[in-house]
Structures are given as structure tokens and as C-alpha cells.
Amino acid sequence: MIFIPFKQWVEGVGGPSTFMRNLRGDLLRKSYEFIEDIVNYKTADKIFFPISFSKKILSYFKKNNYPIIQRLDGVYYLSKHGIKYLYFNKDIKLDYLKYSDFIIFQSKYSRLECFTMLGEIDDGKYTIIYNGTDKSIFYPVKKEFDENKIIFTTTGSFRNKDMIEPVVLALDIIAEEHNVELRIVGPIISNDAKRFTDRKYVRCLGQMDKKNLAEVLKESDILIHCQLNPACPNTVIEAVSCGIPVVGFDTGAMKEVLYFAPELLAYVSDDVFQKYKDFSSERLLEKINLCVSNYREFKSKFLKYSHLYDSKETSNYYIKIFNSF
């Protein structure tokens, strides 16, 4: 039996919480048995957790030679988090190098980040499993493209201005010639980000559940995803599943996830840990215009690949790893 600390994650916002909600739902649907109540962790003979976890509990599993499986997102780094990145990475690195028997990375980029910042591990100690989404909720619908009213959407937990500022600065230019609407879905936590929402074409819809988010995506023409060094962005995967063209920056795992449409990603830099100063709203504008000008071609391409990133397949991979121990 495996212990998975779902309860501390499923009520939160952000990528890890979205993943844990999806995984929990899929495991329940498949009647896969697990323990999630922390008071009962000693009844399990293996543990799976994201990012970092209680050293007391990990020590128990280690002492009893019970398998410890860690899922890693991104890491903290100097250019974004300042010198505190060393402190923020401390527990993650300790779990990664001392406690964990096996690591699951979200993407090749996630592996590159961790290898660069935390140290390399042997091939047999890790695998890569991309995130997935619920295809019964996120699926394509027929929607005609109308250049007289272009609906853009951006979704996520907006913790930094890098997730909104370049989008709005680019759409300010497009709004001079086109009737556009930008729908922002998710909590806007950063005050620096909030000040870029004061535009007539911007609608802030707040946080939504999966079903309502899917409906917004299906009504949209283009998703713009703007995030620095994402490990495996759920919002992009949700848009792909809905057959919605995605425009963004060539940062993090974006080119991996959108390997079939890399031309819609604006160049940033060749650094592993890219910097926000290298995000250019002018380059993003070029990619948005490219998508609008060739919309039917890109729409057809995204519809063709909308079958990718099924959460059922993702959970099957996780179950295979769990059972292998």
C-alpha cells in the first residue's frame, strides 16, 4: 500500500495542486488503493510525494527500506528568487539526494533544471512523465474564427507580473486595429500583475473549477501563456486538449509540450534559467500576429494533436511506477 499526502495539496492553487487533484481523481476512478491520511502513514510500505515532504516521515520509510518516490517540478534560482534560492532549495535537494529512491520529472526541462541546480542522478533512478488532463472535460468543440472579435485567454495563478505584462503590452498594439478581448482566469496574487488589468478589453474572471475553465477555453480563439521557465504548464496542456492554438515564449518546457507548433513560441535566450528581462512583448506580438494571420492552419494543427496529454495515460504511468516497487 502506498502513502500519498494528497490532503495538503488538493485544496491549493498552482501546478502541483492541479496535478495532485487530477492524480487523486484518476486513482479513485481506477479503484487504486492508497493511504492519504497522514496519521496512518505507518500502515503503508512506500510513499509518493511532490517537491518535498516531512523529514520525520521520510526517515521512517528510509529506516524501514520502504521505497520513496519524489515528483519534482522546477527549482528556485538566483535570477528570480535572489540569494534565498539556496534556502528554498535546501529541503528539496535533501529529499532528492538523501531520501528518494526514485524521481519523476515532469519534462526533460524539469530534469535539466534539477540536474543543473541539485546534481545529476543515474538513469535508472528517474523517469519523465508529462502532465495530463481530463479529456471528458477538456475536449475540442466547433467554433468559427471571427477576425472582428478575437478572444484571447490566459489562465493560471498569477504570482508574478511576467505572467501578464508582456501579454497586455502586446495586445495593446493589436487592440488598436482589432476588436479583442482578453479573459484572465485564475487568482491575480501579485499587485505588479494587477496594474496591467486596467484595460477595456480585459475581463478578469477569477478562479474557476475545471468545468468552467474548460468552457472558457472552448469559447476562446487563442491561449497566450506567459510564464518564466515552466516545468510542464497545465494550462497549456488544457488548451491543447481543447484544440486551442497556444502562443507564448520559448521558455522552460514550452517547446517540448508544443513540439508540433514551435513557430508560435517567441525566442528568449539559450540559458537554462532564463530571465524576465529577456521576455520581449514585441517578439510575443509577432507570434500572436502570425497565429491570427494563419489561424485556420494553426487551429487545424492543434485539433490534430488534441488527443495528447490524457490524464488517464499519465496516471497509468504513475501506477506502473508505484507497482514496480
Protein backbone atom coordinates (compact mmCIF):
# COMPACT_ATOMS: atom_id res chain seq x y z
CA MET A 1 0.00 0.00 0.00
CA ILE A 2 1.30 3.48 -0.89
CA PHE A 3 1.01 6.64 1.19
CA ILE A 4 0.32 9.80 -0.87
CA PRO A 5 -0.20 13.07 1.06
CA PHE A 6 -3.00 14.40 -1.14
CA LYS A 7 -4.75 16.40 1.56
CA GLN A 8 -2.10 19.10 1.87
CA TRP A 9 -2.18 19.74 -1.89
CA VAL A 10 -5.63 19.28 -3.41
CA GLU A 11 -7.14 22.47 -1.98
CA GLY A 12 -4.35 24.72 -3.22
CA VAL A 13 -3.68 26.60 -6.45
CA GLY A 14 -0.82 26.25 -8.90
CA GLY A 15 0.69 23.43 -10.92
CA PRO A 16 1.45 20.88 -8.17
CA SER A 17 -2.05 21.20 -6.69
CA THR A 18 -3.67 20.79 -10.12
CA PHE A 19 -1.57 17.69 -10.73
CA MET A 20 -2.40 16.16 -7.33
CA ARG A 21 -6.14 16.76 -7.81
CA ASN A 22 -6.00 15.12 -11.23
CA LEU A 23 -3.97 12.15 -9.97
CA ARG A 24 -6.21 11.59 -6.96
CA GLY A 25 -9.32 11.64 -9.14
CA ASP A 26 -7.85 9.17 -11.63
CA LEU A 27 -6.66 6.79 -8.90
CA LEU A 28 -10.11 6.81 -7.31
CA ARG A 29 -11.80 6.16 -10.66
CA LYS A 30 -9.46 3.21 -11.21
CA SER A 31 -10.08 1.90 -7.66
CA TYR A 32 -6.35 2.06 -7.00
CA GLU A 33 -5.80 1.76 -3.25
CA PHE A 34 -3.76 4.37 -1.41
CA ILE A 35 -3.47 5.96 2.03
CA GLU A 36 -3.80 9.74 2.25
CA ASP A 37 -4.46 10.40 5.92
CA ILE A 38 -1.12 11.36 7.45
CA VAL A 39 -1.97 9.72 10.80
CA ASN A 40 -1.98 6.36 9.01
CA TYR A 41 1.28 6.68 7.09
CA LYS A 42 2.87 3.80 9.03
CA THR A 43 0.37 1.38 7.51
CA ALA A 44 1.99 1.99 4.10
CA ASP A 45 5.08 0.30 2.70
CA LYS A 46 6.02 3.02 0.19
CA ILE A 47 5.50 6.76 -0.23
CA PHE A 48 4.98 9.15 -3.14
CA PHE A 49 5.10 12.94 -2.72
CA PRO A 50 5.66 16.08 -4.83
CA ILE A 51 8.52 18.53 -4.29
CA SER A 52 9.43 17.99 -0.60
CA PHE A 53 7.99 16.35 2.49
CA SER A 54 8.34 15.80 6.25
CA LYS A 55 11.82 14.55 7.14
CA LYS A 56 10.39 12.66 10.11
CA ILE A 57 8.09 10.64 7.88
CA LEU A 58 10.70 10.17 5.14
CA SER A 59 13.15 8.94 7.79
CA TYR A 60 10.63 6.30 8.85
CA PHE A 61 10.34 4.97 5.30
CA LYS A 62 14.10 5.14 4.79
CA LYS A 63 14.84 3.31 8.06
CA ASN A 64 12.48 0.50 7.04
CA ASN A 65 13.88 0.33 3.49
CA TYR A 66 10.47 1.27 2.08
CA PRO A 67 10.59 2.91 -1.37
CA ILE A 68 10.45 6.71 -1.52
CA ILE A 69 9.24 8.24 -4.80
CA GLN A 70 9.55 12.00 -5.36
CA ARG A 71 7.97 14.08 -8.12
CA LEU A 72 9.87 17.24 -8.98
CA ASP A 73 8.54 20.42 -10.50
CA GLY A 74 11.00 23.24 -11.09
CA VAL A 75 13.54 24.62 -8.64
CA TYR A 76 14.36 28.02 -7.19
CA TYR A 77 17.13 30.04 -8.83
CA LEU A 78 19.10 33.23 -8.27
CA SER A 79 17.77 35.49 -11.04
CA LYS A 80 14.16 35.11 -9.89
CA HIS A 81 14.33 34.34 -6.19
CA GLY A 82 17.51 36.12 -5.10
CA ILE A 83 20.06 34.62 -2.75
CA LYS A 84 17.23 32.92 -0.82
CA TYR A 85 17.08 30.33 -3.62
CA LEU A 86 19.71 28.31 -1.70
CA TYR A 87 17.46 28.17 1.36
CA PHE A 88 14.32 27.42 -0.69
CA ASN A 89 16.07 24.52 -2.45
CA LYS A 90 17.56 23.06 0.74
CA ASP A 91 14.76 20.62 1.65
CA ILE A 92 14.08 19.69 -1.98
CA LYS A 93 17.76 18.88 -2.52
CA LEU A 94 17.97 16.87 0.71
CA ASP A 95 14.98 14.73 -0.29
CA TYR A 96 16.33 14.38 -3.83
CA LEU A 97 19.84 13.25 -2.89
CA LYS A 98 19.45 11.61 0.53
CA TYR A 99 15.97 10.15 0.87
CA SER A 100 14.41 9.46 -2.53
CA ASP A 101 14.87 6.13 -4.28
CA PHE A 102 13.20 7.25 -7.48
CA ILE A 103 12.43 10.62 -9.11
CA ILE A 104 9.66 11.52 -11.53
CA PHE A 105 10.37 14.62 -13.60
CA GLN A 106 7.57 16.44 -15.41
CA SER A 107 9.62 17.10 -18.52
CA LYS A 108 13.11 16.98 -19.98
CA TYR A 109 13.42 20.62 -18.99
CA SER A 110 12.46 19.77 -15.40
CA ARG A 111 15.25 17.18 -15.41
CA LEU A 112 17.70 19.73 -16.84
CA GLU A 113 16.79 22.26 -14.14
CA CYS A 114 17.23 19.75 -11.35
CA PHE A 115 20.42 18.25 -12.76
CA THR A 116 21.87 21.77 -13.08
CA MET A 117 20.82 23.02 -9.64
CA LEU A 118 20.62 19.90 -7.46
CA GLY A 119 23.04 17.47 -9.12
CA GLU A 120 22.73 14.58 -11.58
CA ILE A 121 21.41 11.13 -10.72
CA ASP A 122 21.74 7.79 -12.52
CA ASP A 123 19.43 6.91 -15.43
CA GLY A 124 17.83 4.03 -13.52
CA LYS A 125 16.71 6.32 -10.70
CA TYR A 126 14.31 8.52 -12.64
CA THR A 127 11.76 8.77 -15.42
CA ILE A 128 9.89 11.56 -17.21
CA ILE A 129 6.08 11.67 -17.15
CA TYR A 130 4.25 14.63 -18.69
CA ASN A 131 1.15 16.04 -17.03
CA GLY A 132 -2.25 15.12 -18.40
CA THR A 133 -5.78 16.48 -18.22
CA ASP A 134 -9.30 15.12 -18.00
CA LYS A 135 -10.42 14.51 -21.59
CA SER A 136 -14.05 14.21 -20.51
CA ILE A 137 -13.90 17.91 -19.61
CA PHE A 138 -11.18 19.35 -21.84
CA TYR A 139 -12.06 18.47 -25.43
CA PRO A 140 -12.46 20.37 -28.72
CA VAL A 141 -15.72 21.94 -29.88
CA LYS A 142 -16.55 23.59 -33.17
CA LYS A 143 -16.07 27.35 -33.08
CA GLU A 144 -15.79 29.63 -36.07
CA PHE A 145 -12.97 32.17 -36.04
CA ASP A 146 -14.17 35.77 -36.39
CA GLU A 147 -11.45 38.34 -37.02
CA ASN A 148 -13.95 41.02 -35.99
CA LYS A 149 -13.88 39.69 -32.40
CA ILE A 150 -10.78 37.76 -31.33
CA ILE A 151 -11.00 36.17 -27.90
CA PHE A 152 -7.67 35.60 -26.15
CA THR A 153 -7.40 33.78 -22.84
CA THR A 154 -4.63 33.37 -20.30
CA THR A 155 -5.00 31.12 -17.26
CA GLY A 156 -3.04 30.30 -14.14
CA SER A 157 -2.15 31.54 -10.71
CA PHE A 158 -0.70 34.96 -11.46
CA ARG A 159 2.05 35.28 -8.88
CA ASN A 160 4.38 37.49 -10.91
CA LYS A 161 4.00 40.23 -13.48
CA ASP A 162 5.88 38.14 -16.07
CA MET A 163 2.62 36.20 -16.50
CA ILE A 164 0.58 39.25 -17.56
CA GLU A 165 2.71 42.25 -18.52
CA PRO A 166 4.07 41.03 -21.91
CA VAL A 167 0.61 39.74 -22.87
CA VAL A 168 -1.10 43.06 -22.21
CA LEU A 169 1.66 45.14 -23.82
CA ALA A 170 1.37 43.03 -26.98
CA LEU A 171 -2.44 43.13 -27.04
CA ASP A 172 -2.42 46.90 -26.51
CA ILE A 173 -0.98 47.13 -30.04
CA ILE A 174 -3.38 44.59 -31.54
CA ALA A 175 -6.36 46.31 -29.87
CA GLU A 176 -5.64 49.43 -31.92
CA GLU A 177 -6.72 47.60 -35.10
CA HIS A 178 -8.85 44.68 -33.91
CA ASN A 179 -11.75 44.15 -31.56
CA VAL A 180 -10.14 41.89 -28.96
CA GLU A 181 -10.98 40.50 -25.57
CA LEU A 182 -8.53 39.08 -23.05
CA ARG A 183 -10.01 36.74 -20.48
CA ILE A 184 -7.84 36.21 -17.42
CA VAL A 185 -8.77 33.07 -15.50
CA GLY A 186 -7.23 32.47 -12.08
CA PRO A 187 -6.27 34.43 -8.98
CA ILE A 188 -4.14 37.53 -9.56
CA ILE A 189 -1.93 37.45 -6.49
CA SER A 190 0.73 39.96 -7.50
CA ASN A 191 -0.03 43.68 -7.25
CA ASP A 192 2.51 44.23 -10.04
CA ALA A 193 0.36 41.98 -12.23
CA LYS A 194 -2.95 43.59 -11.20
CA ARG A 195 -1.97 47.00 -12.54
CA PHE A 196 -1.87 45.60 -16.07
CA THR A 197 -5.52 44.54 -15.98
CA ASP A 198 -6.91 48.07 -16.24
CA ARG A 199 -7.79 47.83 -19.93
CA LYS A 200 -11.19 47.99 -21.58
CA TYR A 201 -10.57 44.72 -23.41
CA VAL A 202 -9.55 42.79 -20.25
CA ARG A 203 -12.01 40.63 -18.30
CA CYS A 204 -10.80 39.16 -15.01
CA LEU A 205 -12.87 36.04 -14.38
CA GLY A 206 -11.19 34.87 -11.17
CA GLN A 207 -10.54 31.31 -10.11
CA MET A 208 -12.68 28.61 -11.72
CA ASP A 209 -13.24 24.90 -11.39
CA LYS A 210 -12.21 22.62 -14.24
CA LYS A 211 -15.59 22.56 -15.95
CA ASN A 212 -15.99 26.32 -16.07
CA LEU A 213 -12.38 26.77 -17.15
CA ALA A 214 -12.93 24.30 -19.98
CA GLU A 215 -15.98 26.26 -21.15
CA VAL A 216 -13.96 29.48 -21.26
CA LEU A 217 -11.24 27.74 -23.29
CA LYS A 218 -13.77 26.35 -25.76
CA GLU A 219 -15.12 29.86 -26.33
CA SER A 220 -11.59 31.19 -26.92
CA ASP A 221 -9.62 31.57 -30.13
CA ILE A 222 -6.07 31.68 -28.75
CA LEU A 223 -4.45 30.94 -25.41
CA ILE A 224 -1.46 33.12 -24.54
CA HIS A 225 0.78 31.52 -21.95
CA CYS A 226 3.45 33.72 -20.47
CA GLN A 227 5.47 32.19 -17.63
CA LEU A 228 9.17 32.10 -16.92
CA ASN A 229 10.77 28.63 -17.07
CA PRO A 230 7.63 26.47 -16.64
CA ALA A 231 8.36 22.80 -15.91
CA CYS A 232 5.21 21.43 -17.60
CA PRO A 233 2.40 24.02 -17.73
CA ASN A 234 -1.04 22.54 -17.05
CA THR A 235 -2.82 25.49 -18.66
CA VAL A 236 -1.07 24.82 -21.97
CA ILE A 237 -1.96 21.12 -21.80
CA GLU A 238 -5.60 22.03 -21.12
CA ALA A 239 -5.67 24.35 -24.12
CA VAL A 240 -4.07 21.71 -26.36
CA SER A 241 -6.75 19.24 -25.25
CA CYS A 242 -9.40 21.76 -26.30
CA GLY A 243 -7.70 22.24 -29.67
CA ILE A 244 -6.92 25.89 -28.93
CA PRO A 245 -3.78 27.39 -30.55
CA VAL A 246 -1.23 28.44 -27.93
CA VAL A 247 1.16 31.37 -28.29
CA GLY A 248 3.91 32.08 -25.80
CA PHE A 249 7.65 32.24 -25.18
CA ASP A 250 10.21 29.53 -25.89
CA THR A 251 10.97 29.04 -22.22
CA GLY A 252 11.06 26.03 -19.92
CA ALA A 253 9.21 23.02 -21.31
CA MET A 254 7.07 25.02 -23.74
CA LYS A 255 8.81 23.70 -26.86
CA GLU A 256 8.59 20.14 -25.53
CA VAL A 257 4.86 20.36 -24.90
CA LEU A 258 4.21 22.25 -28.15
CA TYR A 259 6.69 20.30 -30.27
CA PHE A 260 4.19 20.33 -33.14
CA ALA A 261 3.92 24.15 -33.28
CA PRO A 262 7.26 25.64 -32.14
CA GLU A 263 6.86 28.54 -34.57
CA LEU A 264 4.32 30.09 -32.17
CA LEU A 265 6.94 30.50 -29.43
CA ALA A 266 8.95 33.70 -29.18
CA TYR A 267 12.71 33.42 -28.66
CA VAL A 268 14.01 34.30 -25.18
CA SER A 269 17.61 33.12 -24.66
CA ASP A 270 19.74 29.99 -24.60
CA ASP A 271 20.09 29.98 -20.78
CA VAL A 272 18.83 27.10 -18.64
CA PHE A 273 17.37 29.59 -16.19
CA GLN A 274 16.06 32.38 -18.36
CA LYS A 275 15.48 35.90 -17.07
CA TYR A 276 12.38 38.03 -17.31
CA LYS A 277 14.36 40.90 -18.83
CA ASP A 278 14.70 38.73 -21.94
CA PHE A 279 10.91 38.46 -22.40
CA SER A 280 10.10 40.77 -25.31
CA SER A 281 6.50 41.86 -25.82
CA GLU A 282 7.49 42.80 -29.39
CA ARG A 283 8.55 39.22 -30.12
CA LEU A 284 5.38 37.92 -28.49
CA LEU A 285 3.36 40.32 -30.65
CA GLU A 286 4.97 38.85 -33.77
CA LYS A 287 3.89 35.35 -32.76
CA ILE A 288 0.34 36.48 -31.94
CA ASN A 289 0.08 38.16 -35.35
CA LEU A 290 1.47 35.00 -37.00
CA CYS A 291 -1.23 32.93 -35.33
CA VAL A 292 -4.03 35.36 -36.23
CA SER A 293 -2.88 35.66 -39.86
CA ASN A 294 -2.68 31.87 -40.27
CA TYR A 295 -5.38 30.95 -37.80
CA ARG A 296 -7.12 28.15 -39.68
CA GLU A 297 -3.80 26.41 -40.34
CA PHE A 298 -2.81 26.51 -36.67
CA LYS A 299 -6.30 25.62 -35.47
CA SER A 300 -6.23 22.54 -37.68
CA LYS A 301 -2.83 21.57 -36.29
CA PHE A 302 -3.92 21.90 -32.65
CA LEU A 303 -7.08 19.92 -33.33
CA LYS A 304 -4.92 17.17 -34.83
CA TYR A 305 -2.84 16.95 -31.63
CA SER A 306 -5.68 17.47 -29.14
CA HIS A 307 -5.52 13.78 -28.20
CA LEU A 308 -2.19 14.35 -26.43
CA TYR A 309 -1.76 14.61 -22.66
CA ASP A 310 -4.56 12.39 -21.39
CA SER A 311 -4.62 12.20 -17.59
CA LYS A 312 -5.68 8.55 -17.80
CA GLU A 313 -2.41 7.72 -19.55
CA THR A 314 -0.49 9.89 -17.09
CA SER A 315 -1.99 8.09 -14.09
CA ASN A 316 -1.31 4.72 -15.76
CA TYR A 317 2.38 5.64 -15.94
CA TYR A 318 2.36 6.63 -12.26
CA ILE A 319 0.60 3.41 -11.27
CA LYS A 320 3.20 1.44 -13.24
CA ILE A 321 5.97 3.17 -11.26
CA PHE A 322 4.18 2.61 -7.93
CA ASN A 323 3.66 -1.07 -8.70
CA SER A 324 7.24 -1.54 -9.84
CA PHE A 325 8.29 -1.13 -6.22
